[in-house]
Structures are given as structure tokens and as C-alpha cells.
Amino acid sequence: MSDVRLGALLERARDGDRDSLRELVRELNPVLWRVARGQGLTAEDAADVVQTSWLELLQRLHDIRTPRAVTAWLITTTRREAWHRQQRGRRDVPDGAGVLETVADPGPPPDERLLTDERDQVLWRHFSQLSQRCRDLLGIVAQVARPDYTAIGEAFGMPHGSIGPTRGRCLTKLREMLLADPAWGA
């Protein structure tokens, strides 16, 4: 989604259009989630950070001078909040955590999960060997149906025209590492 369209959604949200705000959340939530997780937070802490970032946007909805920069503003806010969360070093335990531990896992049977887990381990081992720039870039573009390259470029300090080729090189490198690993094909 383009920064112009996201900016228009922000403008309409300022005017009280809840559907525009929902669309903004739908489009950018995966990006913010990836940014928070990319900072090394647990899933629970990342969820809190993303929620805090959205609350911050709501509180400052009318203070953002350049609506078209809403993606960069939210990414910066999320990174800052993630840093603060890490500095505090505290983890909030959600209410009812003990109850959740007793609920049956609705996932696939153990034998299917084992095969998937083994492939995932190989994939993530090779993914972690990519440069931080590749990991961040692939993480964000994988989470969004139509990534806004302008916003990604601003957030990562990359020229708009280099995002696609960089993503391609990162994917090629990952593919080469996976194909060279016998555990991937097993």
C-alpha cells in the first residue's frame, strides 16, 4: 500500500472514520509485529509493544505533521517502545496463564509437527546466517501482502529502487544455503 494511500487513511481516521483506522491497522500491524519481534522480544512482549504503538498513534493522531509518513512514524515508535521494554527487563504475565497451559493443542498431530519442526529449524538456522539487513527486509515483506517500498525504504534507509533487488539477492542467498544443506531435502 502506498504512503499516499496510508496517509489518506490517517487523514480520514483523524476525521473519525473508524473503517479507515481499521484498514490502517490491518495493513501495518504485520509490519509492526515484525519490527517488534526483530528487536528480540518474546511474542507476548511484542504484542504489548505493538499495542502500545497503536495507542500512541491514537493519542497523537492529530500531532503527526506528515500523514504520508505514518508507516515510518509507527516503525520508529515500535522500535523505541521495544527498546524501552528491553531496558525495563520486566515481563508481564497475562491473567489466566495457568489455565492456558492446560488447554489441548489444536495443532497438527505430533508426527506431522516433528517433520515441520525439523524443516523449520533448518530454515531458521540458515535465515539467521543472513545479514541483519536481509533478515529485517525479508521479515517485513513476508508479513505484508502489498508492502509499501517507500515506507520500507524510509524505515531502513534504503533507496526505493534497491528494495526489490536487495530482497531478490537475500532470497537467492537463502535458497542457495537451503539447497546445499542435505537436511533441507530430507
N, C-alpha and C. Protein backbone atom coordinates (compact mmCIF):
# COMPACT_ATOMS: atom_id res chain seq x y z
N MET A 1 0.86 -1.16 0.00
CA MET A 1 0.00 0.00 0.00
C MET A 1 0.91 1.23 0.00
N SER A 2 0.59 2.20 -0.80
CA SER A 2 1.46 3.35 -0.94
C SER A 2 1.34 4.29 0.25
N ASP A 3 2.40 5.07 0.43
CA ASP A 3 2.39 6.03 1.54
C ASP A 3 1.30 7.08 1.34
N VAL A 4 0.95 7.37 0.10
CA VAL A 4 -0.13 8.32 -0.17
C VAL A 4 -1.45 7.76 0.33
N ARG A 5 -1.70 6.50 0.01
CA ARG A 5 -2.95 5.86 0.46
C ARG A 5 -2.99 5.74 1.99
N LEU A 6 -1.87 5.35 2.60
CA LEU A 6 -1.83 5.25 4.06
C LEU A 6 -2.03 6.62 4.70
N GLY A 7 -1.45 7.64 4.08
CA GLY A 7 -1.64 9.00 4.58
C GLY A 7 -3.10 9.42 4.50
N ALA A 8 -3.77 9.04 3.39
CA ALA A 8 -5.20 9.35 3.24
C ALA A 8 -6.02 8.62 4.30
N LEU A 9 -5.66 7.38 4.60
CA LEU A 9 -6.36 6.65 5.66
C LEU A 9 -6.18 7.35 7.00
N LEU A 10 -4.97 7.83 7.27
CA LEU A 10 -4.73 8.54 8.52
C LEU A 10 -5.57 9.82 8.58
N GLU A 11 -5.62 10.54 7.48
CA GLU A 11 -6.43 11.78 7.43
C GLU A 11 -7.90 11.48 7.74
N ARG A 12 -8.43 10.41 7.11
CA ARG A 12 -9.83 10.05 7.36
C ARG A 12 -10.04 9.57 8.80
N ALA A 13 -9.04 8.87 9.33
CA ALA A 13 -9.13 8.43 10.73
C ALA A 13 -9.16 9.64 11.66
N ARG A 14 -8.42 10.67 11.33
CA ARG A 14 -8.45 11.90 12.12
C ARG A 14 -9.84 12.51 12.15
N ASP A 15 -10.56 12.32 11.04
CA ASP A 15 -11.91 12.86 10.94
C ASP A 15 -12.96 11.94 11.56
N GLY A 16 -12.49 10.86 12.20
CA GLY A 16 -13.41 9.97 12.90
C GLY A 16 -13.85 8.75 12.13
N ASP A 17 -13.26 8.49 10.96
CA ASP A 17 -13.64 7.33 10.15
C ASP A 17 -12.96 6.08 10.72
N ARG A 18 -13.75 5.27 11.44
CA ARG A 18 -13.20 4.07 12.08
C ARG A 18 -12.77 3.02 11.07
N ASP A 19 -13.47 2.95 9.94
CA ASP A 19 -13.09 1.98 8.93
C ASP A 19 -11.69 2.27 8.38
N SER A 20 -11.36 3.53 8.24
CA SER A 20 -10.02 3.91 7.76
C SER A 20 -8.97 3.51 8.79
N LEU A 21 -9.29 3.70 10.06
CA LEU A 21 -8.36 3.31 11.11
C LEU A 21 -8.18 1.79 11.12
N ARG A 22 -9.26 1.05 10.96
CA ARG A 22 -9.17 -0.41 10.89
C ARG A 22 -8.31 -0.85 9.70
N GLU A 23 -8.48 -0.20 8.57
CA GLU A 23 -7.69 -0.53 7.38
C GLU A 23 -6.21 -0.23 7.61
N LEU A 24 -5.92 0.87 8.27
CA LEU A 24 -4.55 1.23 8.60
C LEU A 24 -3.93 0.15 9.51
N VAL A 25 -4.67 -0.28 10.50
CA VAL A 25 -4.19 -1.33 11.40
C VAL A 25 -3.99 -2.62 10.63
N ARG A 26 -4.94 -2.99 9.78
CA ARG A 26 -4.84 -4.23 9.01
C ARG A 26 -3.58 -4.22 8.13
N GLU A 27 -3.29 -3.10 7.52
CA GLU A 27 -2.15 -3.01 6.62
C GLU A 27 -0.81 -2.98 7.36
N LEU A 28 -0.75 -2.27 8.48
CA LEU A 28 0.54 -2.03 9.11
C LEU A 28 0.84 -2.91 10.32
N ASN A 29 -0.16 -3.57 10.86
CA ASN A 29 0.07 -4.40 12.04
C ASN A 29 1.12 -5.48 11.80
N PRO A 30 1.10 -6.20 10.66
CA PRO A 30 2.15 -7.20 10.44
C PRO A 30 3.56 -6.60 10.40
N VAL A 31 3.68 -5.40 9.87
CA VAL A 31 4.98 -4.73 9.82
C VAL A 31 5.45 -4.42 11.23
N LEU A 32 4.56 -3.85 12.04
CA LEU A 32 4.93 -3.50 13.41
C LEU A 32 5.27 -4.75 14.23
N TRP A 33 4.49 -5.80 14.00
CA TRP A 33 4.76 -7.06 14.71
C TRP A 33 6.16 -7.55 14.36
N ARG A 34 6.53 -7.51 13.10
CA ARG A 34 7.85 -7.98 12.67
C ARG A 34 8.96 -7.09 13.23
N VAL A 35 8.72 -5.79 13.27
CA VAL A 35 9.71 -4.88 13.83
C VAL A 35 9.93 -5.21 15.31
N ALA A 36 8.85 -5.40 16.06
CA ALA A 36 8.96 -5.70 17.49
C ALA A 36 9.68 -7.03 17.71
N ARG A 37 9.31 -8.05 16.96
CA ARG A 37 9.95 -9.35 17.11
C ARG A 37 11.42 -9.28 16.67
N GLY A 38 11.68 -8.45 15.66
CA GLY A 38 13.05 -8.27 15.19
C GLY A 38 13.97 -7.63 16.21
N GLN A 39 13.38 -7.00 17.22
CA GLN A 39 14.17 -6.40 18.29
C GLN A 39 14.48 -7.41 19.39
N GLY A 40 14.06 -8.67 19.19
CA GLY A 40 14.40 -9.72 20.14
C GLY A 40 13.37 -9.93 21.24
N LEU A 41 12.20 -9.37 21.09
CA LEU A 41 11.18 -9.52 22.12
C LEU A 41 10.46 -10.86 21.99
N THR A 42 9.94 -11.33 23.11
CA THR A 42 9.09 -12.52 23.08
C THR A 42 7.79 -12.15 22.39
N ALA A 43 7.02 -13.16 22.04
CA ALA A 43 5.73 -12.91 21.39
C ALA A 43 4.83 -12.05 22.28
N GLU A 44 4.83 -12.34 23.57
CA GLU A 44 3.98 -11.58 24.49
C GLU A 44 4.42 -10.12 24.59
N ASP A 45 5.73 -9.91 24.72
CA ASP A 45 6.24 -8.54 24.81
C ASP A 45 6.03 -7.80 23.50
N ALA A 46 6.22 -8.49 22.38
CA ALA A 46 6.00 -7.86 21.07
C ALA A 46 4.54 -7.44 20.93
N ALA A 47 3.63 -8.28 21.37
CA ALA A 47 2.21 -7.92 21.30
C ALA A 47 1.93 -6.67 22.11
N ASP A 48 2.52 -6.59 23.29
CA ASP A 48 2.34 -5.40 24.13
C ASP A 48 2.93 -4.15 23.46
N VAL A 49 4.10 -4.31 22.86
CA VAL A 49 4.76 -3.18 22.21
C VAL A 49 3.94 -2.69 21.02
N VAL A 50 3.44 -3.62 20.21
CA VAL A 50 2.64 -3.23 19.04
C VAL A 50 1.36 -2.51 19.51
N GLN A 51 0.73 -3.06 20.53
CA GLN A 51 -0.48 -2.42 21.06
C GLN A 51 -0.16 -1.02 21.59
N THR A 52 0.94 -0.89 22.28
CA THR A 52 1.35 0.43 22.79
C THR A 52 1.61 1.41 21.65
N SER A 53 2.21 0.91 20.57
CA SER A 53 2.47 1.78 19.41
C SER A 53 1.17 2.29 18.81
N TRP A 54 0.17 1.41 18.69
CA TRP A 54 -1.13 1.85 18.16
C TRP A 54 -1.81 2.84 19.11
N LEU A 55 -1.70 2.60 20.41
CA LEU A 55 -2.27 3.55 21.37
C LEU A 55 -1.58 4.91 21.27
N GLU A 56 -0.27 4.86 21.09
CA GLU A 56 0.50 6.11 20.91
C GLU A 56 0.01 6.87 19.68
N LEU A 57 -0.25 6.13 18.60
CA LEU A 57 -0.77 6.77 17.39
C LEU A 57 -2.12 7.42 17.68
N LEU A 58 -2.98 6.70 18.37
CA LEU A 58 -4.30 7.27 18.68
C LEU A 58 -4.18 8.53 19.51
N GLN A 59 -3.26 8.53 20.46
CA GLN A 59 -3.07 9.72 21.31
C GLN A 59 -2.49 10.89 20.54
N ARG A 60 -1.71 10.60 19.52
CA ARG A 60 -1.03 11.66 18.76
C ARG A 60 -1.57 11.79 17.34
N LEU A 61 -2.75 11.27 17.12
CA LEU A 61 -3.35 11.24 15.79
C LEU A 61 -3.31 12.59 15.09
N HIS A 62 -3.57 13.64 15.82
CA HIS A 62 -3.62 14.97 15.22
C HIS A 62 -2.27 15.70 15.27
N ASP A 63 -1.28 15.08 15.89
CA ASP A 63 0.03 15.72 16.00
C ASP A 63 0.98 15.35 14.86
N ILE A 64 0.67 14.32 14.12
CA ILE A 64 1.55 13.88 13.03
C ILE A 64 1.44 14.89 11.89
N ARG A 65 2.54 15.55 11.60
CA ARG A 65 2.53 16.64 10.61
C ARG A 65 2.47 16.13 9.18
N THR A 66 3.06 14.99 8.93
CA THR A 66 3.11 14.45 7.56
C THR A 66 2.40 13.10 7.56
N PRO A 67 1.11 13.09 7.27
CA PRO A 67 0.35 11.83 7.29
C PRO A 67 0.94 10.74 6.41
N ARG A 68 1.58 11.13 5.30
CA ARG A 68 2.16 10.13 4.40
C ARG A 68 3.30 9.36 5.06
N ALA A 69 3.84 9.88 6.14
CA ALA A 69 4.95 9.24 6.83
C ALA A 69 4.47 8.38 8.01
N VAL A 70 3.20 8.01 8.01
CA VAL A 70 2.65 7.27 9.15
C VAL A 70 3.36 5.93 9.35
N THR A 71 3.76 5.27 8.28
CA THR A 71 4.45 3.98 8.43
C THR A 71 5.78 4.17 9.14
N ALA A 72 6.57 5.12 8.68
CA ALA A 72 7.86 5.38 9.31
C ALA A 72 7.68 5.81 10.76
N TRP A 73 6.65 6.62 11.02
CA TRP A 73 6.37 7.07 12.39
C TRP A 73 6.06 5.87 13.28
N LEU A 74 5.22 4.96 12.79
CA LEU A 74 4.84 3.79 13.59
C LEU A 74 6.02 2.84 13.78
N ILE A 75 6.84 2.67 12.76
CA ILE A 75 8.01 1.79 12.90
C ILE A 75 8.97 2.37 13.93
N THR A 76 9.20 3.66 13.86
CA THR A 76 10.09 4.31 14.83
C THR A 76 9.53 4.19 16.24
N THR A 77 8.23 4.41 16.39
CA THR A 77 7.58 4.30 17.70
C THR A 77 7.71 2.88 18.23
N THR A 78 7.51 1.89 17.37
CA THR A 78 7.59 0.49 17.78
C THR A 78 9.02 0.14 18.20
N ARG A 79 10.00 0.57 17.43
CA ARG A 79 11.40 0.31 17.80
C ARG A 79 11.73 0.94 19.15
N ARG A 80 11.30 2.17 19.34
CA ARG A 80 11.57 2.88 20.59
C ARG A 80 10.92 2.16 21.77
N GLU A 81 9.65 1.77 21.59
CA GLU A 81 8.94 1.08 22.66
C GLU A 81 9.57 -0.28 22.95
N ALA A 82 10.03 -0.97 21.91
CA ALA A 82 10.71 -2.26 22.11
C ALA A 82 11.99 -2.07 22.92
N TRP A 83 12.72 -1.02 22.61
CA TRP A 83 13.94 -0.73 23.35
C TRP A 83 13.61 -0.46 24.81
N HIS A 84 12.58 0.34 25.06
CA HIS A 84 12.17 0.63 26.44
C HIS A 84 11.75 -0.66 27.16
N ARG A 85 11.05 -1.52 26.45
CA ARG A 85 10.60 -2.79 27.06
C ARG A 85 11.82 -3.63 27.45
N GLN A 86 12.81 -3.67 26.59
CA GLN A 86 14.02 -4.43 26.90
C GLN A 86 14.76 -3.82 28.08
N GLN A 87 14.80 -2.51 28.14
CA GLN A 87 15.50 -1.83 29.22
C GLN A 87 14.84 -2.09 30.57
N ARG A 88 13.53 -2.13 30.57
CA ARG A 88 12.82 -2.38 31.82
C ARG A 88 13.06 -3.81 32.29
N GLY A 89 13.27 -4.72 31.32
CA GLY A 89 13.58 -6.08 31.67
C GLY A 89 12.48 -6.81 32.42
N ARG A 90 11.29 -6.32 32.28
CA ARG A 90 10.21 -6.99 33.00
C ARG A 90 9.28 -7.65 32.01
N ARG A 91 8.67 -8.66 32.47
CA ARG A 91 7.69 -9.37 31.64
C ARG A 91 6.40 -9.43 32.41
N ASP A 92 5.34 -9.03 31.77
CA ASP A 92 4.02 -9.12 32.39
C ASP A 92 3.45 -10.50 32.08
N VAL A 93 3.01 -11.18 33.12
CA VAL A 93 2.38 -12.48 32.92
C VAL A 93 0.89 -12.23 32.75
N PRO A 94 0.31 -12.65 31.61
CA PRO A 94 -1.11 -12.40 31.39
C PRO A 94 -1.98 -13.17 32.38
N ASP A 95 -3.11 -12.57 32.70
CA ASP A 95 -4.07 -13.24 33.57
C ASP A 95 -4.50 -14.55 32.94
N GLY A 96 -4.62 -15.58 33.75
CA GLY A 96 -5.09 -16.86 33.25
C GLY A 96 -4.02 -17.67 32.54
N ALA A 97 -2.75 -17.33 32.70
CA ALA A 97 -1.69 -18.05 32.01
C ALA A 97 -1.69 -19.53 32.41
N GLY A 98 -1.97 -19.82 33.67
CA GLY A 98 -2.02 -21.21 34.13
C GLY A 98 -3.13 -21.99 33.45
N VAL A 99 -4.25 -21.35 33.20
CA VAL A 99 -5.36 -22.02 32.54
C VAL A 99 -4.98 -22.35 31.10
N LEU A 100 -4.30 -21.45 30.43
CA LEU A 100 -3.91 -21.69 29.04
C LEU A 100 -2.98 -22.88 28.91
N GLU A 101 -2.17 -23.15 29.92
CA GLU A 101 -1.24 -24.27 29.85
C GLU A 101 -1.97 -25.61 29.85
N THR A 102 -3.19 -25.65 30.36
CA THR A 102 -3.93 -26.92 30.43
C THR A 102 -4.81 -27.16 29.21
N VAL A 103 -4.92 -26.20 28.31
CA VAL A 103 -5.75 -26.35 27.13
C VAL A 103 -5.04 -27.22 26.11
N ALA A 104 -5.78 -28.15 25.49
CA ALA A 104 -5.20 -29.03 24.48
C ALA A 104 -4.73 -28.25 23.26
N ASP A 105 -3.63 -28.70 22.67
CA ASP A 105 -3.08 -28.05 21.49
C ASP A 105 -3.91 -28.45 20.27
N PRO A 106 -4.51 -27.47 19.57
CA PRO A 106 -5.33 -27.80 18.40
C PRO A 106 -4.50 -28.01 17.13
N GLY A 107 -3.19 -28.01 17.27
CA GLY A 107 -2.31 -28.10 16.11
C GLY A 107 -2.30 -29.49 15.49
N PRO A 108 -1.40 -29.68 14.52
CA PRO A 108 -1.31 -30.96 13.82
C PRO A 108 -0.81 -32.06 14.76
N PRO A 109 -0.99 -33.32 14.36
CA PRO A 109 -0.51 -34.43 15.19
C PRO A 109 1.00 -34.36 15.37
N PRO A 110 1.52 -35.00 16.42
CA PRO A 110 2.96 -34.90 16.73
C PRO A 110 3.88 -35.31 15.59
N ASP A 111 3.52 -36.36 14.81
CA ASP A 111 4.42 -36.79 13.75
C ASP A 111 4.54 -35.73 12.65
N GLU A 112 3.42 -35.08 12.31
CA GLU A 112 3.47 -34.00 11.31
C GLU A 112 4.23 -32.81 11.86
N ARG A 113 4.00 -32.51 13.13
CA ARG A 113 4.67 -31.38 13.77
C ARG A 113 6.18 -31.61 13.81
N LEU A 114 6.61 -32.85 14.04
CA LEU A 114 8.03 -33.16 14.09
C LEU A 114 8.70 -32.87 12.76
N LEU A 115 8.08 -33.31 11.66
CA LEU A 115 8.65 -33.05 10.34
C LEU A 115 8.69 -31.55 10.04
N THR A 116 7.62 -30.87 10.37
CA THR A 116 7.58 -29.43 10.15
C THR A 116 8.62 -28.73 11.01
N ASP A 117 8.73 -29.14 12.27
CA ASP A 117 9.71 -28.52 13.17
C ASP A 117 11.14 -28.70 12.67
N GLU A 118 11.44 -29.90 12.14
CA GLU A 118 12.79 -30.15 11.63
C GLU A 118 13.09 -29.25 10.43
N ARG A 119 12.13 -29.12 9.50
CA ARG A 119 12.34 -28.23 8.34
C ARG A 119 12.45 -26.78 8.79
N ASP A 120 11.60 -26.41 9.74
CA ASP A 120 11.66 -25.03 10.26
C ASP A 120 13.01 -24.74 10.89
N GLN A 121 13.56 -25.70 11.64
CA GLN A 121 14.86 -25.49 12.27
C GLN A 121 15.94 -25.24 11.22
N VAL A 122 15.90 -26.02 10.15
CA VAL A 122 16.89 -25.84 9.07
C VAL A 122 16.71 -24.47 8.43
N LEU A 123 15.45 -24.13 8.13
CA LEU A 123 15.18 -22.84 7.51
C LEU A 123 15.66 -21.69 8.39
N TRP A 124 15.27 -21.72 9.68
CA TRP A 124 15.62 -20.61 10.57
C TRP A 124 17.12 -20.57 10.87
N ARG A 125 17.78 -21.73 10.86
CA ARG A 125 19.23 -21.73 11.07
C ARG A 125 19.91 -20.97 9.92
N HIS A 126 19.47 -21.24 8.69
CA HIS A 126 20.05 -20.55 7.54
C HIS A 126 19.60 -19.09 7.48
N PHE A 127 18.34 -18.84 7.83
CA PHE A 127 17.84 -17.47 7.85
C PHE A 127 18.67 -16.62 8.82
N SER A 128 19.02 -17.20 9.96
CA SER A 128 19.80 -16.45 10.96
C SER A 128 21.21 -16.15 10.49
N GLN A 129 21.69 -16.86 9.46
CA GLN A 129 23.02 -16.61 8.93
C GLN A 129 23.04 -15.47 7.91
N LEU A 130 21.85 -15.05 7.48
CA LEU A 130 21.78 -13.90 6.58
C LEU A 130 22.18 -12.64 7.34
N SER A 131 22.51 -11.60 6.61
CA SER A 131 22.84 -10.33 7.27
C SER A 131 21.59 -9.79 7.97
N GLN A 132 21.81 -8.93 8.95
CA GLN A 132 20.68 -8.33 9.67
C GLN A 132 19.76 -7.59 8.71
N ARG A 133 20.35 -6.91 7.74
CA ARG A 133 19.56 -6.17 6.75
C ARG A 133 18.64 -7.11 5.98
N CYS A 134 19.18 -8.26 5.55
CA CYS A 134 18.35 -9.25 4.83
C CYS A 134 17.26 -9.79 5.74
N ARG A 135 17.61 -10.13 6.97
CA ARG A 135 16.59 -10.68 7.89
C ARG A 135 15.47 -9.67 8.12
N ASP A 136 15.82 -8.42 8.34
CA ASP A 136 14.80 -7.39 8.57
C ASP A 136 13.93 -7.19 7.34
N LEU A 137 14.57 -7.08 6.19
CA LEU A 137 13.83 -6.82 4.96
C LEU A 137 12.91 -7.99 4.61
N LEU A 138 13.43 -9.21 4.63
CA LEU A 138 12.60 -10.37 4.31
C LEU A 138 11.49 -10.55 5.34
N GLY A 139 11.78 -10.26 6.58
CA GLY A 139 10.76 -10.38 7.62
C GLY A 139 9.59 -9.46 7.39
N ILE A 140 9.86 -8.24 6.96
CA ILE A 140 8.77 -7.29 6.75
C ILE A 140 8.01 -7.59 5.46
N VAL A 141 8.72 -7.82 4.37
CA VAL A 141 7.99 -8.06 3.12
C VAL A 141 7.22 -9.37 3.15
N ALA A 142 7.63 -10.31 4.00
CA ALA A 142 6.90 -11.58 4.11
C ALA A 142 5.61 -11.41 4.90
N GLN A 143 5.51 -10.37 5.70
CA GLN A 143 4.34 -10.18 6.55
C GLN A 143 3.23 -9.35 5.92
N VAL A 144 3.54 -8.67 4.84
CA VAL A 144 2.60 -7.73 4.25
C VAL A 144 2.25 -8.16 2.83
N ALA A 145 0.96 -8.17 2.51
CA ALA A 145 0.52 -8.59 1.18
C ALA A 145 1.09 -7.68 0.09
N ARG A 146 0.97 -6.38 0.28
CA ARG A 146 1.49 -5.41 -0.70
C ARG A 146 2.37 -4.42 0.07
N PRO A 147 3.64 -4.76 0.26
CA PRO A 147 4.49 -3.88 1.06
C PRO A 147 4.69 -2.52 0.40
N ASP A 148 4.73 -1.50 1.20
CA ASP A 148 4.96 -0.13 0.74
C ASP A 148 6.47 0.11 0.71
N TYR A 149 7.06 0.00 -0.48
CA TYR A 149 8.50 0.12 -0.60
C TYR A 149 9.02 1.50 -0.20
N THR A 150 8.23 2.51 -0.39
CA THR A 150 8.66 3.85 0.02
C THR A 150 8.82 3.91 1.53
N ALA A 151 7.83 3.40 2.25
CA ALA A 151 7.90 3.41 3.71
C ALA A 151 9.02 2.50 4.21
N ILE A 152 9.17 1.34 3.57
CA ILE A 152 10.25 0.43 3.97
C ILE A 152 11.60 1.10 3.71
N GLY A 153 11.70 1.76 2.58
CA GLY A 153 12.94 2.47 2.27
C GLY A 153 13.28 3.53 3.30
N GLU A 154 12.26 4.28 3.72
CA GLU A 154 12.48 5.31 4.75
C GLU A 154 12.88 4.67 6.07
N ALA A 155 12.19 3.59 6.45
CA ALA A 155 12.45 2.94 7.73
C ALA A 155 13.84 2.31 7.78
N PHE A 156 14.32 1.79 6.64
CA PHE A 156 15.60 1.09 6.63
C PHE A 156 16.72 1.92 6.00
N GLY A 157 16.40 3.14 5.59
CA GLY A 157 17.43 3.98 4.98
C GLY A 157 17.93 3.43 3.66
N MET A 158 17.01 2.88 2.87
CA MET A 158 17.36 2.30 1.57
C MET A 158 16.65 3.07 0.47
N PRO A 159 17.28 3.26 -0.67
CA PRO A 159 16.57 3.85 -1.80
C PRO A 159 15.43 2.93 -2.24
N HIS A 160 14.32 3.52 -2.62
CA HIS A 160 13.13 2.77 -3.04
C HIS A 160 13.48 1.73 -4.10
N GLY A 161 14.29 2.10 -5.07
CA GLY A 161 14.62 1.22 -6.18
C GLY A 161 15.53 0.06 -5.82
N SER A 162 16.14 0.08 -4.64
CA SER A 162 17.05 -1.01 -4.29
C SER A 162 16.37 -2.07 -3.43
N ILE A 163 15.15 -1.84 -2.99
CA ILE A 163 14.49 -2.79 -2.09
C ILE A 163 14.20 -4.11 -2.80
N GLY A 164 13.58 -4.06 -3.97
CA GLY A 164 13.27 -5.29 -4.71
C GLY A 164 14.51 -6.09 -5.06
N PRO A 165 15.53 -5.46 -5.66
CA PRO A 165 16.76 -6.22 -5.96
C PRO A 165 17.45 -6.76 -4.71
N THR A 166 17.44 -5.99 -3.63
CA THR A 166 18.05 -6.47 -2.38
C THR A 166 17.28 -7.67 -1.86
N ARG A 167 15.96 -7.59 -1.88
CA ARG A 167 15.13 -8.71 -1.46
C ARG A 167 15.44 -9.94 -2.30
N GLY A 168 15.57 -9.76 -3.62
CA GLY A 168 15.88 -10.87 -4.51
C GLY A 168 17.23 -11.50 -4.18
N ARG A 169 18.24 -10.68 -3.92
CA ARG A 169 19.56 -11.22 -3.57
C ARG A 169 19.50 -11.98 -2.25
N CYS A 170 18.74 -11.45 -1.29
CA CYS A 170 18.60 -12.12 0.01
C CYS A 170 17.91 -13.48 -0.16
N LEU A 171 16.85 -13.53 -0.95
CA LEU A 171 16.14 -14.79 -1.19
C LEU A 171 17.02 -15.79 -1.93
N THR A 172 17.79 -15.30 -2.89
CA THR A 172 18.70 -16.18 -3.64
C THR A 172 19.74 -16.79 -2.70
N LYS A 173 20.29 -15.96 -1.84
CA LYS A 173 21.30 -16.46 -0.88
C LYS A 173 20.68 -17.50 0.04
N LEU A 174 19.48 -17.24 0.54
CA LEU A 174 18.81 -18.20 1.42
C LEU A 174 18.52 -19.50 0.67
N ARG A 175 18.03 -19.39 -0.55
CA ARG A 175 17.74 -20.57 -1.38
C ARG A 175 19.00 -21.40 -1.60
N GLU A 176 20.11 -20.74 -1.91
CA GLU A 176 21.37 -21.46 -2.14
C GLU A 176 21.82 -22.19 -0.88
N MET A 177 21.70 -21.55 0.27
CA MET A 177 22.10 -22.19 1.52
C MET A 177 21.21 -23.41 1.80
N LEU A 178 19.90 -23.27 1.57
CA LEU A 178 18.98 -24.39 1.82
C LEU A 178 19.25 -25.55 0.88
N LEU A 179 19.46 -25.27 -0.40
CA LEU A 179 19.69 -26.34 -1.37
C LEU A 179 21.00 -27.07 -1.12
N ALA A 180 21.96 -26.39 -0.52
CA ALA A 180 23.25 -27.01 -0.22
C ALA A 180 23.21 -27.83 1.07
N ASP A 181 22.16 -27.71 1.83
CA ASP A 181 22.06 -28.40 3.12
C ASP A 181 21.26 -29.71 2.92
N PRO A 182 21.91 -30.86 3.16
CA PRO A 182 21.21 -32.14 2.98
C PRO A 182 20.00 -32.28 3.90
N ALA A 183 20.01 -31.63 5.04
CA ALA A 183 18.88 -31.71 5.97
C ALA A 183 17.63 -31.05 5.40
N TRP A 184 17.79 -30.13 4.46
CA TRP A 184 16.63 -29.45 3.87
C TRP A 184 15.85 -30.38 2.96
N GLY A 185 16.54 -31.19 2.21
CA GLY A 185 15.87 -32.08 1.26
C GLY A 185 15.38 -33.38 1.88
N ALA A 186 15.82 -33.66 3.10
CA ALA A 186 15.45 -34.95 3.73
C ALA A 186 14.01 -34.97 4.17
